[in-house]
Every structure is written in C-alpha cells, then in structure tokens.
PDB file of N, CA and C in Angstrom:
ATOM      1  N   MET A   1      22.434  13.937 -30.783  1.00  0.00           N
ATOM      2  CA  MET A   1      21.450  14.911 -31.194  1.00  0.00           C
ATOM      3  C   MET A   1      20.474  15.213 -30.060  1.00  0.00           C
ATOM      4  N   GLY A   2      19.571  14.312 -29.728  1.00  0.00           N
ATOM      5  CA  GLY A   2      18.643  14.529 -28.623  1.00  0.00           C
ATOM      6  C   GLY A   2      17.559  15.533 -28.956  1.00  0.00           C
ATOM      7  N   LEU A   3      16.802  15.864 -27.959  1.00  0.00           N
ATOM      8  CA  LEU A   3      15.733  16.852 -28.125  1.00  0.00           C
ATOM      9  C   LEU A   3      16.258  18.235 -27.785  1.00  0.00           C
ATOM     10  N   ARG A   4      16.104  19.145 -28.703  1.00  0.00           N
ATOM     11  CA  ARG A   4      16.450  20.539 -28.430  1.00  0.00           C
ATOM     12  C   ARG A   4      15.173  21.339 -28.558  1.00  0.00           C
ATOM     13  N   ARG A   5      14.407  21.301 -27.514  1.00  0.00           N
ATOM     14  CA  ARG A   5      13.124  22.000 -27.511  1.00  0.00           C
ATOM     15  C   ARG A   5      13.234  23.169 -26.553  1.00  0.00           C
ATOM     16  N   GLY A   6      13.377  24.327 -27.098  1.00  0.00           N
ATOM     17  CA  GLY A   6      13.494  25.499 -26.245  1.00  0.00           C
ATOM     18  C   GLY A   6      13.190  26.746 -27.036  1.00  0.00           C
ATOM     19  N   LEU A   7      13.260  27.846 -26.357  1.00  0.00           N
ATOM     20  CA  LEU A   7      12.972  29.130 -26.983  1.00  0.00           C
ATOM     21  C   LEU A   7      14.170  29.618 -27.779  1.00  0.00           C
ATOM     22  N   LYS A   8      13.893  30.271 -28.901  1.00  0.00           N
ATOM     23  CA  LYS A   8      14.963  30.888 -29.683  1.00  0.00           C
ATOM     24  C   LYS A   8      15.604  32.016 -28.887  1.00  0.00           C
ATOM     25  N   ASN A   9      14.761  32.788 -28.208  1.00  0.00           N
ATOM     26  CA  ASN A   9      15.209  33.902 -27.381  1.00  0.00           C
ATOM     27  C   ASN A   9      14.469  33.815 -26.051  1.00  0.00           C
ATOM     28  N   PRO A  10      15.149  33.459 -24.953  1.00  0.00           N
ATOM     29  CA  PRO A  10      14.453  33.268 -23.677  1.00  0.00           C
ATOM     30  C   PRO A  10      13.764  34.521 -23.125  1.00  0.00           C
ATOM     31  N   LYS A  11      14.079  35.687 -23.672  1.00  0.00           N
ATOM     32  CA  LYS A  11      13.437  36.921 -23.202  1.00  0.00           C
ATOM     33  C   LYS A  11      12.211  37.280 -24.037  1.00  0.00           C
ATOM     34  N   ASP A  12      11.994  36.544 -25.125  1.00  0.00           N
ATOM     35  CA  ASP A  12      10.872  36.837 -26.010  1.00  0.00           C
ATOM     36  C   ASP A  12      10.205  35.524 -26.407  1.00  0.00           C
ATOM     37  N   ILE A  13       9.022  35.276 -25.870  1.00  0.00           N
ATOM     38  CA  ILE A  13       8.288  34.046 -26.153  1.00  0.00           C
ATOM     39  C   ILE A  13       7.254  34.353 -27.228  1.00  0.00           C
ATOM     40  N   SER A  14       7.254  33.547 -28.286  1.00  0.00           N
ATOM     41  CA  SER A  14       6.330  33.780 -29.396  1.00  0.00           C
ATOM     42  C   SER A  14       5.402  32.590 -29.598  1.00  0.00           C
ATOM     43  N   THR A  15       4.217  32.879 -30.100  1.00  0.00           N
ATOM     44  CA  THR A  15       3.249  31.841 -30.436  1.00  0.00           C
ATOM     45  C   THR A  15       3.876  30.855 -31.412  1.00  0.00           C
ATOM     46  N   GLY A  16       3.645  29.566 -31.157  1.00  0.00           N
ATOM     47  CA  GLY A  16       4.155  28.519 -32.034  1.00  0.00           C
ATOM     48  C   GLY A  16       5.458  27.902 -31.575  1.00  0.00           C
ATOM     49  N   GLU A  17       6.177  28.550 -30.680  1.00  0.00           N
ATOM     50  CA  GLU A  17       7.453  28.019 -30.204  1.00  0.00           C
ATOM     51  C   GLU A  17       7.245  26.858 -29.235  1.00  0.00           C
ATOM     52  N   SER A  18       8.284  26.039 -29.111  1.00  0.00           N
ATOM     53  CA  SER A  18       8.280  24.942 -28.149  1.00  0.00           C
ATOM     54  C   SER A  18       8.956  25.397 -26.873  1.00  0.00           C
ATOM     55  N   LEU A  19       8.421  24.932 -25.765  1.00  0.00           N
ATOM     56  CA  LEU A  19       9.002  25.211 -24.454  1.00  0.00           C
ATOM     57  C   LEU A  19       8.940  23.889 -23.701  1.00  0.00           C
ATOM     58  N   ASP A  20      10.054  23.167 -23.687  1.00  0.00           N
ATOM     59  CA  ASP A  20      10.091  21.805 -23.174  1.00  0.00           C
ATOM     60  C   ASP A  20       9.052  20.974 -23.932  1.00  0.00           C
ATOM     61  N   PHE A  21       8.089  20.400 -23.216  1.00  0.00           N
ATOM     62  CA  PHE A  21       7.071  19.591 -23.882  1.00  0.00           C
ATOM     63  C   PHE A  21       5.757  20.342 -24.017  1.00  0.00           C
ATOM     64  N   TRP A  22       5.865  21.647 -24.106  1.00  0.00           N
ATOM     65  CA  TRP A  22       4.706  22.514 -24.254  1.00  0.00           C
ATOM     66  C   TRP A  22       4.847  23.325 -25.542  1.00  0.00           C
ATOM     67  N   ARG A  23       3.732  23.645 -26.172  1.00  0.00           N
ATOM     68  CA  ARG A  23       3.696  24.518 -27.348  1.00  0.00           C
ATOM     69  C   ARG A  23       3.064  25.831 -26.902  1.00  0.00           C
ATOM     70  N   VAL A  24       3.675  26.941 -27.275  1.00  0.00           N
ATOM     71  CA  VAL A  24       3.141  28.253 -26.937  1.00  0.00           C
ATOM     72  C   VAL A  24       1.960  28.525 -27.867  1.00  0.00           C
ATOM     73  N   ILE A  25       0.775  28.601 -27.278  1.00  0.00           N
ATOM     74  CA  ILE A  25      -0.449  28.854 -28.036  1.00  0.00           C
ATOM     75  C   ILE A  25      -0.728  30.352 -28.108  1.00  0.00           C
ATOM     76  N   TYR A  26      -0.428  31.049 -27.018  1.00  0.00           N
ATOM     77  CA  TYR A  26      -0.696  32.482 -26.954  1.00  0.00           C
ATOM     78  C   TYR A  26       0.293  33.121 -25.995  1.00  0.00           C
ATOM     79  N   ALA A  27       0.900  34.202 -26.417  1.00  0.00           N
ATOM     80  CA  ALA A  27       1.822  34.942 -25.561  1.00  0.00           C
ATOM     81  C   ALA A  27       1.637  36.431 -25.849  1.00  0.00           C
ATOM     82  N   ASP A  28       1.258  37.183 -24.827  1.00  0.00           N
ATOM     83  CA  ASP A  28       1.028  38.610 -25.015  1.00  0.00           C
ATOM     84  C   ASP A  28       1.512  39.369 -23.782  1.00  0.00           C
ATOM     85  N   ARG A  29       2.539  40.180 -23.962  1.00  0.00           N
ATOM     86  CA  ARG A  29       3.097  40.964 -22.846  1.00  0.00           C
ATOM     87  C   ARG A  29       2.115  42.014 -22.343  1.00  0.00           C
ATOM     88  N   VAL A  30       1.376  42.629 -23.255  1.00  0.00           N
ATOM     89  CA  VAL A  30       0.433  43.679 -22.861  1.00  0.00           C
ATOM     90  C   VAL A  30      -0.678  43.093 -21.998  1.00  0.00           C
ATOM     91  N   GLU A  31      -1.226  41.959 -22.424  1.00  0.00           N
ATOM     92  CA  GLU A  31      -2.272  41.287 -21.645  1.00  0.00           C
ATOM     93  C   GLU A  31      -1.700  40.544 -20.442  1.00  0.00           C
ATOM     94  N   LYS A  32      -0.368  40.371 -20.436  1.00  0.00           N
ATOM     95  CA  LYS A  32       0.316  39.622 -19.379  1.00  0.00           C
ATOM     96  C   LYS A  32      -0.271  38.213 -19.270  1.00  0.00           C
ATOM     97  N   ARG A  33      -0.268  37.531 -20.424  1.00  0.00           N
ATOM     98  CA  ARG A  33      -0.889  36.209 -20.497  1.00  0.00           C
ATOM     99  C   ARG A  33      -0.034  35.272 -21.357  1.00  0.00           C
ATOM    100  N   LEU A  34       0.115  34.038 -20.871  1.00  0.00           N
ATOM    101  CA  LEU A  34       0.845  32.997 -21.590  1.00  0.00           C
ATOM    102  C   LEU A  34       0.021  31.720 -21.510  1.00  0.00           C
ATOM    103  N   LEU A  35      -0.281  31.128 -22.668  1.00  0.00           N
ATOM    104  CA  LEU A  35      -1.058  29.892 -22.720  1.00  0.00           C
ATOM    105  C   LEU A  35      -0.223  28.827 -23.432  1.00  0.00           C
ATOM    106  N   LEU A  36      -0.053  27.695 -22.754  1.00  0.00           N
ATOM    107  CA  LEU A  36       0.742  26.590 -23.278  1.00  0.00           C
ATOM    108  C   LEU A  36      -0.132  25.355 -23.466  1.00  0.00           C
ATOM    109  N   TYR A  37       0.180  24.561 -24.496  1.00  0.00           N
ATOM    110  CA  TYR A  37      -0.527  23.313 -24.773  1.00  0.00           C
ATOM    111  C   TYR A  37       0.466  22.162 -24.654  1.00  0.00           C
ATOM    112  N   ALA A  38       0.087  21.113 -23.924  1.00  0.00           N
ATOM    113  CA  ALA A  38       0.980  19.971 -23.703  1.00  0.00           C
ATOM    114  C   ALA A  38       1.120  19.146 -24.974  1.00  0.00           C
ATOM    115  N   GLU A  39       2.383  18.864 -25.342  1.00  0.00           N
ATOM    116  CA  GLU A  39       2.659  18.021 -26.507  1.00  0.00           C
ATOM    117  C   GLU A  39       3.203  16.658 -26.096  1.00  0.00           C
ATOM    118  N   MET A  40       2.972  16.284 -24.853  1.00  0.00           N
ATOM    119  CA  MET A  40       3.405  14.976 -24.389  1.00  0.00           C
ATOM    120  C   MET A  40       2.247  13.993 -24.549  1.00  0.00           C
ATOM    121  N   LYS A  41       2.578  12.708 -24.529  1.00  0.00           N
ATOM    122  CA  LYS A  41       1.530  11.697 -24.647  1.00  0.00           C
ATOM    123  C   LYS A  41       0.740  11.640 -23.351  1.00  0.00           C
ATOM    124  N   LEU A  42      -0.526  11.953 -23.455  1.00  0.00           N
ATOM    125  CA  LEU A  42      -1.426  11.960 -22.307  1.00  0.00           C
ATOM    126  C   LEU A  42      -2.754  11.348 -22.724  1.00  0.00           C
ATOM    127  N   PRO A  43      -3.493  10.802 -21.782  1.00  0.00           N
ATOM    128  CA  PRO A  43      -4.832  10.305 -22.105  1.00  0.00           C
ATOM    129  C   PRO A  43      -5.847  11.448 -22.084  1.00  0.00           C
ATOM    130  N   GLY A  44      -5.520  12.506 -22.801  1.00  0.00           N
ATOM    131  CA  GLY A  44      -6.365  13.693 -22.864  1.00  0.00           C
ATOM    132  C   GLY A  44      -5.550  14.871 -23.367  1.00  0.00           C
ATOM    133  N   GLU A  45      -6.102  16.057 -23.219  1.00  0.00           N
ATOM    134  CA  GLU A  45      -5.436  17.283 -23.646  1.00  0.00           C
ATOM    135  C   GLU A  45      -5.203  18.168 -22.429  1.00  0.00           C
ATOM    136  N   ALA A  46      -4.051  18.859 -22.416  1.00  0.00           N
ATOM    137  CA  ALA A  46      -3.703  19.677 -21.256  1.00  0.00           C
ATOM    138  C   ALA A  46      -3.204  21.051 -21.690  1.00  0.00           C
ATOM    139  N   TRP A  47      -3.603  22.050 -20.910  1.00  0.00           N
ATOM    140  CA  TRP A  47      -3.165  23.423 -21.110  1.00  0.00           C
ATOM    141  C   TRP A  47      -2.655  23.963 -19.791  1.00  0.00           C
ATOM    142  N   LEU A  48      -1.725  24.892 -19.883  1.00  0.00           N
ATOM    143  CA  LEU A  48      -1.199  25.569 -18.709  1.00  0.00           C
ATOM    144  C   LEU A  48      -1.199  27.060 -19.035  1.00  0.00           C
ATOM    145  N   GLU A  49      -1.859  27.841 -18.188  1.00  0.00           N
ATOM    146  CA  GLU A  49      -1.979  29.272 -18.448  1.00  0.00           C
ATOM    147  C   GLU A  49      -1.389  30.062 -17.286  1.00  0.00           C
ATOM    148  N   PHE A  50      -0.677  31.125 -17.635  1.00  0.00           N
ATOM    149  CA  PHE A  50      -0.140  32.067 -16.661  1.00  0.00           C
ATOM    150  C   PHE A  50      -0.696  33.446 -17.009  1.00  0.00           C
ATOM    151  N   ARG A  51      -1.184  34.146 -15.986  1.00  0.00           N
ATOM    152  CA  ARG A  51      -1.694  35.506 -16.163  1.00  0.00           C
ATOM    153  C   ARG A  51      -1.211  36.346 -14.993  1.00  0.00           C
ATOM    154  N   ILE A  52      -0.957  37.599 -15.269  1.00  0.00           N
ATOM    155  CA  ILE A  52      -0.635  38.547 -14.208  1.00  0.00           C
ATOM    156  C   ILE A  52      -1.747  39.586 -14.205  1.00  0.00           C
ATOM    157  N   LYS A  53      -2.405  39.705 -13.054  1.00  0.00           N
ATOM    158  CA  LYS A  53      -3.466  40.705 -12.901  1.00  0.00           C
ATOM    159  C   LYS A  53      -3.101  41.548 -11.700  1.00  0.00           C
ATOM    160  N   GLU A  54      -2.988  42.840 -11.951  1.00  0.00           N
ATOM    161  CA  GLU A  54      -2.460  43.765 -10.971  1.00  0.00           C
ATOM    162  C   GLU A  54      -1.064  43.253 -10.607  1.00  0.00           C
ATOM    163  N   GLU A  55      -0.795  42.860  -9.412  1.00  0.00           N
ATOM    164  CA  GLU A  55       0.553  42.369  -9.091  1.00  0.00           C
ATOM    165  C   GLU A  55       0.523  40.917  -8.652  1.00  0.00           C
ATOM    166  N   THR A  56      -0.496  40.179  -9.120  1.00  0.00           N
ATOM    167  CA  THR A  56      -0.657  38.783  -8.728  1.00  0.00           C
ATOM    168  C   THR A  56      -0.475  37.873  -9.936  1.00  0.00           C
ATOM    169  N   LEU A  57       0.320  36.819  -9.765  1.00  0.00           N
ATOM    170  CA  LEU A  57       0.537  35.824 -10.807  1.00  0.00           C
ATOM    171  C   LEU A  57      -0.439  34.679 -10.603  1.00  0.00           C
ATOM    172  N   PHE A  58      -1.220  34.387 -11.639  1.00  0.00           N
ATOM    173  CA  PHE A  58      -2.185  33.295 -11.607  1.00  0.00           C
ATOM    174  C   PHE A  58      -1.698  32.180 -12.532  1.00  0.00           C
ATOM    175  N   GLN A  59      -1.883  30.963 -12.083  1.00  0.00           N
ATOM    176  CA  GLN A  59      -1.502  29.785 -12.870  1.00  0.00           C
ATOM    177  C   GLN A  59      -2.719  28.861 -12.903  1.00  0.00           C
ATOM    178  N   THR A  60      -3.124  28.459 -14.101  1.00  0.00           N
ATOM    179  CA  THR A  60      -4.275  27.574 -14.243  1.00  0.00           C
ATOM    180  C   THR A  60      -3.889  26.378 -15.089  1.00  0.00           C
ATOM    181  N   ALA A  61      -4.083  25.185 -14.549  1.00  0.00           N
ATOM    182  CA  ALA A  61      -3.839  23.941 -15.288  1.00  0.00           C
ATOM    183  C   ALA A  61      -5.200  23.368 -15.666  1.00  0.00           C
ATOM    184  N   THR A  62      -5.367  23.059 -16.934  1.00  0.00           N
ATOM    185  CA  THR A  62      -6.621  22.500 -17.433  1.00  0.00           C
ATOM    186  C   THR A  62      -6.322  21.168 -18.101  1.00  0.00           C
ATOM    187  N   PHE A  63      -7.133  20.166 -17.800  1.00  0.00           N
ATOM    188  CA  PHE A  63      -6.976  18.850 -18.418  1.00  0.00           C
ATOM    189  C   PHE A  63      -8.344  18.382 -18.892  1.00  0.00           C
ATOM    190  N   ARG A  64      -8.412  18.026 -20.172  1.00  0.00           N
ATOM    191  CA  ARG A  64      -9.644  17.464 -20.739  1.00  0.00           C
ATOM    192  C   ARG A  64      -9.378  15.989 -21.003  1.00  0.00           C
ATOM    193  N   PRO A  65      -9.884  15.120 -20.125  1.00  0.00           N
ATOM    194  CA  PRO A  65      -9.585  13.696 -20.249  1.00  0.00           C
ATOM    195  C   PRO A  65     -10.286  13.064 -21.440  1.00  0.00           C
ATOM    196  N   HIS A  66      -9.631  12.032 -21.989  1.00  0.00           N
ATOM    197  CA  HIS A  66     -10.244  11.211 -23.031  1.00  0.00           C
ATOM    198  C   HIS A  66     -10.661   9.900 -22.379  1.00  0.00           C
ATOM    199  N   GLY A  67     -11.938   9.750 -22.139  1.00  0.00           N
ATOM    200  CA  GLY A  67     -12.469   8.501 -21.612  1.00  0.00           C
ATOM    201  C   GLY A  67     -12.121   8.234 -20.155  1.00  0.00           C
ATOM    202  N   VAL A  68     -12.378   7.004 -19.758  1.00  0.00           N
ATOM    203  CA  VAL A  68     -12.164   6.580 -18.376  1.00  0.00           C
ATOM    204  C   VAL A  68     -10.681   6.616 -18.017  1.00  0.00           C
ATOM    205  N   LEU A  69      -9.808   6.189 -18.934  1.00  0.00           N
ATOM    206  CA  LEU A  69      -8.367   6.209 -18.651  1.00  0.00           C
ATOM    207  C   LEU A  69      -7.875   7.628 -18.378  1.00  0.00           C
ATOM    208  N   GLY A  70      -8.407   8.579 -19.106  1.00  0.00           N
ATOM    209  CA  GLY A  70      -8.034   9.971 -18.885  1.00  0.00           C
ATOM    210  C   GLY A  70      -8.451  10.458 -17.501  1.00  0.00           C
ATOM    211  N   ARG A  71      -9.635  10.082 -17.087  1.00  0.00           N
ATOM    212  CA  ARG A  71     -10.117  10.475 -15.751  1.00  0.00           C
ATOM    213  C   ARG A  71      -9.296   9.798 -14.655  1.00  0.00           C
ATOM    214  N   LEU A  72      -9.008   8.514 -14.836  1.00  0.00           N
ATOM    215  CA  LEU A  72      -8.185   7.801 -13.857  1.00  0.00           C
ATOM    216  C   LEU A  72      -6.800   8.431 -13.751  1.00  0.00           C
ATOM    217  N   TYR A  73      -6.217   8.768 -14.895  1.00  0.00           N
ATOM    218  CA  TYR A  73      -4.903   9.425 -14.924  1.00  0.00           C
ATOM    219  C   TYR A  73      -4.962  10.726 -14.123  1.00  0.00           C
ATOM    220  N   TRP A  74      -5.973  11.565 -14.401  1.00  0.00           N
ATOM    221  CA  TRP A  74      -6.053  12.872 -13.753  1.00  0.00           C
ATOM    222  C   TRP A  74      -6.140  12.736 -12.237  1.00  0.00           C
ATOM    223  N   TYR A  75      -6.988  11.846 -11.764  1.00  0.00           N
ATOM    224  CA  TYR A  75      -7.129  11.681 -10.311  1.00  0.00           C
ATOM    225  C   TYR A  75      -5.883  11.045  -9.694  1.00  0.00           C
ATOM    226  N   ALA A  76      -5.199  10.200 -10.447  1.00  0.00           N
ATOM    227  CA  ALA A  76      -3.984   9.560  -9.924  1.00  0.00           C
ATOM    228  C   ALA A  76      -2.839  10.562  -9.766  1.00  0.00           C
ATOM    229  N   VAL A  77      -2.715  11.506 -10.701  1.00  0.00           N
ATOM    230  CA  VAL A  77      -1.586  12.446 -10.659  1.00  0.00           C
ATOM    231  C   VAL A  77      -1.936  13.779  -9.998  1.00  0.00           C
ATOM    232  N   MET A  78      -3.197  13.965  -9.625  1.00  0.00           N
ATOM    233  CA  MET A  78      -3.608  15.241  -9.031  1.00  0.00           C
ATOM    234  C   MET A  78      -2.762  15.630  -7.810  1.00  0.00           C
ATOM    235  N   PRO A  79      -2.507  14.732  -6.857  1.00  0.00           N
ATOM    236  CA  PRO A  79      -1.675  15.140  -5.705  1.00  0.00           C
ATOM    237  C   PRO A  79      -0.257  15.554  -6.123  1.00  0.00           C
ATOM    238  N   LEU A  80       0.314  14.838  -7.060  1.00  0.00           N
ATOM    239  CA  LEU A  80       1.651  15.166  -7.556  1.00  0.00           C
ATOM    240  C   LEU A  80       1.653  16.516  -8.266  1.00  0.00           C
ATOM    241  N   HIS A  81       0.648  16.739  -9.090  1.00  0.00           N
ATOM    242  CA  HIS A  81       0.561  18.025  -9.782  1.00  0.00           C
ATOM    243  C   HIS A  81       0.403  19.175  -8.801  1.00  0.00           C
ATOM    244  N   GLY A  82      -0.308  18.937  -7.715  1.00  0.00           N
ATOM    245  CA  GLY A  82      -0.442  19.979  -6.687  1.00  0.00           C
ATOM    246  C   GLY A  82       0.915  20.416  -6.179  1.00  0.00           C
ATOM    247  N   LEU A  83       1.785  19.456  -5.922  1.00  0.00           N
ATOM    248  CA  LEU A  83       3.143  19.792  -5.458  1.00  0.00           C
ATOM    249  C   LEU A  83       3.958  20.485  -6.546  1.00  0.00           C
ATOM    250  N   ILE A  84       3.899  19.938  -7.750  1.00  0.00           N
ATOM    251  CA  ILE A  84       4.682  20.501  -8.865  1.00  0.00           C
ATOM    252  C   ILE A  84       4.254  21.931  -9.165  1.00  0.00           C
ATOM    253  N   PHE A  85       2.951  22.142  -9.317  1.00  0.00           N
ATOM    254  CA  PHE A  85       2.473  23.468  -9.699  1.00  0.00           C
ATOM    255  C   PHE A  85       2.664  24.491  -8.598  1.00  0.00           C
ATOM    256  N   THR A  86       2.529  24.083  -7.345  1.00  0.00           N
ATOM    257  CA  THR A  86       2.778  25.000  -6.221  1.00  0.00           C
ATOM    258  C   THR A  86       4.244  25.440  -6.226  1.00  0.00           C
ATOM    259  N   GLY A  87       5.144  24.491  -6.404  1.00  0.00           N
ATOM    260  CA  GLY A  87       6.578  24.826  -6.460  1.00  0.00           C
ATOM    261  C   GLY A  87       6.899  25.713  -7.662  1.00  0.00           C
ATOM    262  N   MET A  88       6.258  25.423  -8.787  1.00  0.00           N
ATOM    263  CA  MET A  88       6.503  26.177 -10.018  1.00  0.00           C
ATOM    264  C   MET A  88       6.073  27.633  -9.850  1.00  0.00           C
ATOM    265  N   ILE A  89       4.884  27.851  -9.308  1.00  0.00           N
ATOM    266  CA  ILE A  89       4.400  29.221  -9.153  1.00  0.00           C
ATOM    267  C   ILE A  89       5.244  30.004  -8.173  1.00  0.00           C
ATOM    268  N   ARG A  90       5.729  29.337  -7.119  1.00  0.00           N
ATOM    269  CA  ARG A  90       6.610  30.031  -6.171  1.00  0.00           C
ATOM    270  C   ARG A  90       7.921  30.455  -6.840  1.00  0.00           C
ATOM    271  N   LYS A  91       8.490  29.552  -7.632  1.00  0.00           N
ATOM    272  CA  LYS A  91       9.747  29.864  -8.328  1.00  0.00           C
ATOM    273  C   LYS A  91       9.546  31.007  -9.321  1.00  0.00           C
ATOM    274  N   LEU A  92       8.455  30.968 -10.054  1.00  0.00           N
ATOM    275  CA  LEU A  92       8.186  32.020 -11.031  1.00  0.00           C
ATOM    276  C   LEU A  92       7.952  33.371 -10.357  1.00  0.00           C
ATOM    277  N   ALA A  93       7.284  33.352  -9.215  1.00  0.00           N
ATOM    278  CA  ALA A  93       7.005  34.591  -8.497  1.00  0.00           C
ATOM    279  C   ALA A  93       8.274  35.245  -7.971  1.00  0.00           C
ATOM    280  N   GLN A  94       9.312  34.433  -7.700  1.00  0.00           N
ATOM    281  CA  GLN A  94      10.570  34.994  -7.219  1.00  0.00           C
ATOM    282  C   GLN A  94      11.215  35.772  -8.330  1.00  0.00           C
TER     283      GLN A  94
END
C-alpha cells in the first residue's frame, strides 16, 4: 500500500489536496499564488509559498518554531534548506 500522497490532477492544484508532505492551503491561478502547509513532524509549523509577480517567481519558506527545540532545529537545518530551496526554485523556473 504505502503512502499515495499526490495530486488528483497534476495540472490543477486545489485547496485541501496533499502534495507529498504538504497540504495545499491556497491555490489561485489568477493571483499566481500557491501556499502549502507542512504536514510532517516538526518542532514547529512550516509554510511554503510560491508567487509569480510580473515574470519573476518568488519562493518564501516560513517556520514558526515551538520552543527552544524548534529554534535549534531551524538554525541546524538552515544551511541545508538554503541548498534545497535554491535548487527547487531553479528547477521550477525552468
């Protein structure tokens, strides 16, 4: 069985759908905005937002830590996330 977490239709993303370990909170083609909420176990809450303004793709990662462990986690993974998110935005822009 395993985890089958994906979009029903990869060309149409709707609010409430799962995308890997993210939940689609907001998706609007007209606004050119996609907001995802992390559903993985984290010492805090995480969101990932994509916006297109004019011809530029913006990606914003937000993390709200829970306590000291959350802050330690964020600072520990920050360099790794820098690499991951940079690679992700380049791939999406292609």
